[in-house]
Amino acid sequence: MTDQHPLTDDLCHTVCEDWPPEDDVEKDNMRSAADWQLQQVTKWLKEHLEGYLCENYYKPYLLTADILDDFKKAMRPRRRSGKQSNNK
C-alpha cells in the first residue's frame, strides 16, 4: 500500500483543467473534500447497512437497489418544493 492519495495530480487536473499544475493548495483542497466525503459514506454505511440485510432460506442478501437509492438521497439531499434557499 502506498501513502499517495488516490486523487492524483493528473486526476485533479482532469477535474479542473483551468488550474495551473503548480497550484498545490487547490489539489490539497480537492483531496480533503474527497477524504471528507469518504468519511460521510463510511458513517452512513455503518449506521444504515444493517437495515438492508435480509435472509431467506438459502443465505443472507442485501437489498442493493434500495441501498443505492437511499444512499444517493442521503448524500444529495433535495430541497422540498416551496422552500427557499438562503443562497443567492
Protein backbone atom coordinates (compact mmCIF):
# COMPACT_ATOMS: atom_id res chain seq x y z
CA MET A 1 0.00 0.00 0.00
CA THR A 2 1.22 3.50 -0.77
CA ASP A 3 0.89 6.80 1.07
CA GLN A 4 -0.04 8.56 -2.16
CA HIS A 5 -3.60 9.88 -2.20
CA PRO A 6 -5.75 8.15 -4.85
CA LEU A 7 -6.74 11.58 -6.18
CA THR A 8 -3.52 12.13 -8.12
CA ASP A 9 -2.33 15.40 -9.60
CA ASP A 10 -3.43 14.17 -13.04
CA LEU A 11 -6.95 13.42 -11.78
CA CYS A 12 -7.14 16.82 -10.10
CA HIS A 13 -6.16 18.43 -13.39
CA THR A 14 -8.81 16.37 -15.20
CA VAL A 15 -11.49 17.72 -12.85
CA CYS A 16 -10.47 21.32 -13.43
CA GLU A 17 -8.17 21.89 -16.38
CA ASP A 18 -8.05 25.66 -15.72
CA TRP A 19 -5.95 25.29 -12.57
CA PRO A 20 -2.25 25.67 -13.06
CA PRO A 21 -0.42 22.38 -12.42
CA GLU A 22 1.69 24.02 -9.70
CA ASP A 23 -1.38 25.02 -7.62
CA ASP A 24 -0.90 22.59 -4.73
CA VAL A 25 -3.41 24.37 -2.48
CA GLU A 26 -6.36 23.55 -4.75
CA LYS A 27 -5.22 19.94 -5.14
CA ASP A 28 -4.95 19.63 -1.37
CA ASN A 29 -8.44 21.11 -1.02
CA MET A 30 -9.81 18.57 -3.52
CA ARG A 31 -8.15 15.74 -1.65
CA SER A 32 -9.50 16.98 1.69
CA ALA A 33 -13.01 17.17 0.21
CA ALA A 34 -12.69 13.63 -1.17
CA ASP A 35 -11.50 12.34 2.21
CA TRP A 36 -14.38 14.10 3.99
CA GLN A 37 -16.89 12.62 1.56
CA LEU A 38 -15.44 9.13 2.10
CA GLN A 39 -15.87 9.61 5.85
CA GLN A 40 -19.52 10.54 5.29
CA VAL A 41 -20.07 7.43 3.14
CA THR A 42 -18.44 5.19 5.73
CA LYS A 43 -20.51 6.71 8.53
CA TRP A 44 -23.76 6.31 6.58
CA LEU A 45 -22.99 2.68 5.75
CA LYS A 46 -22.15 1.85 9.37
CA GLU A 47 -25.38 3.46 10.57
CA HIS A 48 -27.75 2.08 7.92
CA LEU A 49 -26.41 -1.04 6.21
CA GLU A 50 -27.82 -3.48 8.73
CA GLY A 51 -31.35 -2.37 7.83
CA TYR A 52 -30.85 -3.66 4.29
CA LEU A 53 -29.64 -7.11 5.27
CA CYS A 54 -32.25 -9.81 4.70
CA GLU A 55 -32.20 -13.56 4.96
CA ASN A 56 -34.05 -16.19 3.07
CA TYR A 57 -33.96 -19.96 3.23
CA TYR A 58 -30.64 -20.15 1.38
CA LYS A 59 -28.44 -17.26 2.53
CA PRO A 60 -28.36 -13.65 3.65
CA TYR A 61 -28.52 -10.95 0.99
CA LEU A 62 -28.53 -7.18 0.68
CA LEU A 63 -31.30 -5.10 -0.85
CA THR A 64 -28.81 -3.46 -3.22
CA ALA A 65 -31.19 -1.25 -5.22
CA ASP A 66 -32.76 0.09 -2.02
CA ILE A 67 -29.34 0.79 -0.50
CA LEU A 68 -28.24 2.72 -3.57
CA ASP A 69 -31.45 4.76 -3.80
CA ASP A 70 -31.43 5.72 -0.12
CA PHE A 71 -27.70 6.35 -0.14
CA LYS A 72 -27.96 8.74 -3.09
CA LYS A 73 -30.78 10.60 -1.32
CA ALA A 74 -28.72 10.86 1.86
CA MET A 75 -25.63 12.12 0.06
CA ARG A 76 -27.50 14.56 -2.20
CA PRO A 77 -30.50 15.83 -0.24
CA ARG A 78 -33.04 17.82 -2.22
CA ARG A 79 -34.93 20.88 -1.09
CA ARG A 80 -38.64 20.44 -0.64
CA SER A 81 -40.71 22.42 -3.10
CA GLY A 82 -41.89 25.72 -1.72
CA LYS A 83 -38.78 26.15 0.42
CA GLN A 84 -36.43 28.96 -0.48
CA SER A 85 -32.67 28.64 -0.38
CA ASN A 86 -30.58 31.17 1.52
CA ASN A 87 -28.09 31.11 -1.35
CA LYS A 88 -28.47 33.95 -3.82
